[in-house]
Amino acid sequence: MSSPLAPLESMLRSWPLLRSHFRGRDYLPEPELRAFVAAAVPGVPTAAWPVVLQGLVRSQLLHETVPGVLAFEADPYVSAGKPVLAPAWIALWQHLQARLGCC
């Protein structure tokens, strides 16, 4: 009897292959990632894909940016549901405040 985590373990062993295949890409459509996994990682059956994907997201190896699109890196502008302004926008706001002589 095989472990229920065997597909995820198989995926983790193949992680360097997956990263090298998608090198230089910021975002991955889930269907494209699923097709690559089906072809390159025989230990991950199609039926196990939701469990494998959930494990990769929970371990923060993949991040869901929008439904159906994944990324290797977390979005730096989103943190715990709180919007964060880019430093350039903060600098612009401070410049405008200084020019107007308020606040």
C-alpha atoms as a PDB file:
ATOM      1  CA  MET A   1       0.000   0.000   0.000  1.00  0.00           C
ATOM      2  CA  SER A   2       1.518   3.302  -1.048  1.00  0.00           C
ATOM      3  CA  SER A   3       1.528   6.457   1.006  1.00  0.00           C
ATOM      4  CA  PRO A   4      -1.096   9.088   0.196  1.00  0.00           C
ATOM      5  CA  LEU A   5       1.774  11.586   0.068  1.00  0.00           C
ATOM      6  CA  ALA A   6       3.721   9.584  -2.525  1.00  0.00           C
ATOM      7  CA  PRO A   7       2.659  11.838  -5.443  1.00  0.00           C
ATOM      8  CA  LEU A   8       3.756  14.953  -3.549  1.00  0.00           C
ATOM      9  CA  GLU A   9       7.074  13.314  -2.633  1.00  0.00           C
ATOM     10  CA  SER A  10       7.583  12.379  -6.271  1.00  0.00           C
ATOM     11  CA  MET A  11       6.878  15.982  -7.270  1.00  0.00           C
ATOM     12  CA  LEU A  12       9.348  17.313  -4.710  1.00  0.00           C
ATOM     13  CA  ARG A  13      12.075  14.999  -6.030  1.00  0.00           C
ATOM     14  CA  SER A  14      11.420  16.412  -9.500  1.00  0.00           C
ATOM     15  CA  TRP A  15      11.345  20.028  -8.321  1.00  0.00           C
ATOM     16  CA  PRO A  16      14.754  20.988  -9.820  1.00  0.00           C
ATOM     17  CA  LEU A  17      13.597  19.706 -13.214  1.00  0.00           C
ATOM     18  CA  LEU A  18      10.416  21.762 -12.985  1.00  0.00           C
ATOM     19  CA  ARG A  19      12.268  24.930 -11.917  1.00  0.00           C
ATOM     20  CA  SER A  20      14.786  24.605 -14.730  1.00  0.00           C
ATOM     21  CA  HIS A  21      12.025  24.023 -17.289  1.00  0.00           C
ATOM     22  CA  PHE A  22      10.184  27.196 -16.266  1.00  0.00           C
ATOM     23  CA  ARG A  23      13.325  29.295 -15.640  1.00  0.00           C
ATOM     24  CA  GLY A  24      12.843  32.979 -16.336  1.00  0.00           C
ATOM     25  CA  ARG A  25       9.055  32.861 -16.092  1.00  0.00           C
ATOM     26  CA  ASP A  26       7.242  34.811 -13.410  1.00  0.00           C
ATOM     27  CA  TYR A  27       3.790  33.304 -13.870  1.00  0.00           C
ATOM     28  CA  LEU A  28       2.659  29.812 -14.841  1.00  0.00           C
ATOM     29  CA  PRO A  29      -0.814  28.944 -16.096  1.00  0.00           C
ATOM     30  CA  GLU A  30      -2.011  25.926 -14.130  1.00  0.00           C
ATOM     31  CA  PRO A  31      -2.940  23.899 -17.259  1.00  0.00           C
ATOM     32  CA  GLU A  32       0.593  24.324 -18.642  1.00  0.00           C
ATOM     33  CA  LEU A  33       2.139  23.302 -15.322  1.00  0.00           C
ATOM     34  CA  ARG A  34      -0.211  20.312 -15.084  1.00  0.00           C
ATOM     35  CA  ALA A  35       0.691  19.205 -18.628  1.00  0.00           C
ATOM     36  CA  PHE A  36       4.410  19.419 -17.848  1.00  0.00           C
ATOM     37  CA  VAL A  37       3.983  17.415 -14.634  1.00  0.00           C
ATOM     38  CA  ALA A  38       1.927  14.758 -16.445  1.00  0.00           C
ATOM     39  CA  ALA A  39       4.677  14.352 -19.058  1.00  0.00           C
ATOM     40  CA  ALA A  40       7.784  14.694 -16.892  1.00  0.00           C
ATOM     41  CA  VAL A  41       6.810  13.295 -13.481  1.00  0.00           C
ATOM     42  CA  PRO A  42       5.292   9.830 -13.855  1.00  0.00           C
ATOM     43  CA  GLY A  43       4.793   9.470 -10.084  1.00  0.00           C
ATOM     44  CA  VAL A  44       2.035  12.088 -10.098  1.00  0.00           C
ATOM     45  CA  PRO A  45      -1.205  10.695 -11.539  1.00  0.00           C
ATOM     46  CA  THR A  46      -3.774  13.129 -12.881  1.00  0.00           C
ATOM     47  CA  ALA A  47      -6.203  12.275 -10.080  1.00  0.00           C
ATOM     48  CA  ALA A  48      -3.610  13.308  -7.463  1.00  0.00           C
ATOM     49  CA  TRP A  49      -2.940  16.739  -9.007  1.00  0.00           C
ATOM     50  CA  PRO A  50      -5.240  18.739  -6.631  1.00  0.00           C
ATOM     51  CA  VAL A  51      -3.511  17.231  -3.579  1.00  0.00           C
ATOM     52  CA  VAL A  52      -0.061  17.850  -5.048  1.00  0.00           C
ATOM     53  CA  LEU A  53      -0.906  21.435  -5.956  1.00  0.00           C
ATOM     54  CA  GLN A  54      -2.333  22.091  -2.504  1.00  0.00           C
ATOM     55  CA  GLY A  55       0.851  20.690  -0.929  1.00  0.00           C
ATOM     56  CA  LEU A  56       3.066  22.911  -3.092  1.00  0.00           C
ATOM     57  CA  VAL A  57       1.013  26.001  -2.228  1.00  0.00           C
ATOM     58  CA  ARG A  58       0.969  25.172   1.488  1.00  0.00           C
ATOM     59  CA  SER A  59       4.733  24.671   1.510  1.00  0.00           C
ATOM     60  CA  GLN A  60       5.051  28.012  -0.332  1.00  0.00           C
ATOM     61  CA  LEU A  61       6.965  26.529  -3.234  1.00  0.00           C
ATOM     62  CA  LEU A  62       4.185  27.853  -5.459  1.00  0.00           C
ATOM     63  CA  HIS A  63       1.903  30.833  -4.889  1.00  0.00           C
ATOM     64  CA  GLU A  64      -1.531  31.276  -6.422  1.00  0.00           C
ATOM     65  CA  THR A  65      -1.628  34.799  -7.837  1.00  0.00           C
ATOM     66  CA  VAL A  66      -5.111  34.600  -9.364  1.00  0.00           C
ATOM     67  CA  PRO A  67      -7.240  31.496  -9.887  1.00  0.00           C
ATOM     68  CA  GLY A  68      -5.514  29.309 -12.462  1.00  0.00           C
ATOM     69  CA  VAL A  69      -2.200  31.209 -12.421  1.00  0.00           C
ATOM     70  CA  LEU A  70       0.729  30.269 -10.195  1.00  0.00           C
ATOM     71  CA  ALA A  71       4.088  31.854  -9.406  1.00  0.00           C
ATOM     72  CA  PHE A  72       7.304  30.640  -7.803  1.00  0.00           C
ATOM     73  CA  GLU A  73       7.671  33.849  -5.795  1.00  0.00           C
ATOM     74  CA  ALA A  74       5.068  35.511  -3.607  1.00  0.00           C
ATOM     75  CA  ASP A  75       3.765  38.866  -4.748  1.00  0.00           C
ATOM     76  CA  PRO A  76       5.861  41.440  -2.846  1.00  0.00           C
ATOM     77  CA  TYR A  77       3.019  43.967  -2.804  1.00  0.00           C
ATOM     78  CA  VAL A  78       0.499  41.736  -1.033  1.00  0.00           C
ATOM     79  CA  SER A  79       0.992  40.918   2.619  1.00  0.00           C
ATOM     80  CA  ALA A  80      -1.666  39.389   4.859  1.00  0.00           C
ATOM     81  CA  GLY A  81      -4.485  41.020   2.956  1.00  0.00           C
ATOM     82  CA  LYS A  82      -3.092  44.482   3.622  1.00  0.00           C
ATOM     83  CA  PRO A  83      -2.250  46.557   0.562  1.00  0.00           C
ATOM     84  CA  VAL A  84       1.325  47.794   0.458  1.00  0.00           C
ATOM     85  CA  LEU A  85       2.461  50.731  -1.631  1.00  0.00           C
ATOM     86  CA  ALA A  86       5.580  50.482  -3.729  1.00  0.00           C
ATOM     87  CA  PRO A  87       8.411  52.720  -2.464  1.00  0.00           C
ATOM     88  CA  ALA A  88       8.210  54.847  -5.635  1.00  0.00           C
ATOM     89  CA  TRP A  89       4.573  55.747  -4.902  1.00  0.00           C
ATOM     90  CA  ILE A  90       5.412  56.624  -1.289  1.00  0.00           C
ATOM     91  CA  ALA A  91       8.250  58.881  -2.461  1.00  0.00           C
ATOM     92  CA  LEU A  92       5.917  60.593  -4.932  1.00  0.00           C
ATOM     93  CA  TRP A  93       3.319  61.164  -2.208  1.00  0.00           C
ATOM     94  CA  GLN A  94       5.946  62.637   0.119  1.00  0.00           C
ATOM     95  CA  HIS A  95       7.240  64.885  -2.672  1.00  0.00           C
ATOM     96  CA  LEU A  96       3.745  66.175  -3.400  1.00  0.00           C
ATOM     97  CA  GLN A  97       3.072  66.796   0.292  1.00  0.00           C
ATOM     98  CA  ALA A  98       6.317  68.761   0.613  1.00  0.00           C
ATOM     99  CA  ARG A  99       5.509  70.872  -2.478  1.00  0.00           C
ATOM    100  CA  LEU A 100       2.021  71.679  -1.194  1.00  0.00           C
ATOM    101  CA  GLY A 101       3.319  72.561   2.267  1.00  0.00           C
ATOM    102  CA  CYS A 102       0.754  70.512   4.083  1.00  0.00           C
ATOM    103  CA  CYS A 103       0.644  67.536   6.400  1.00  0.00           C
END
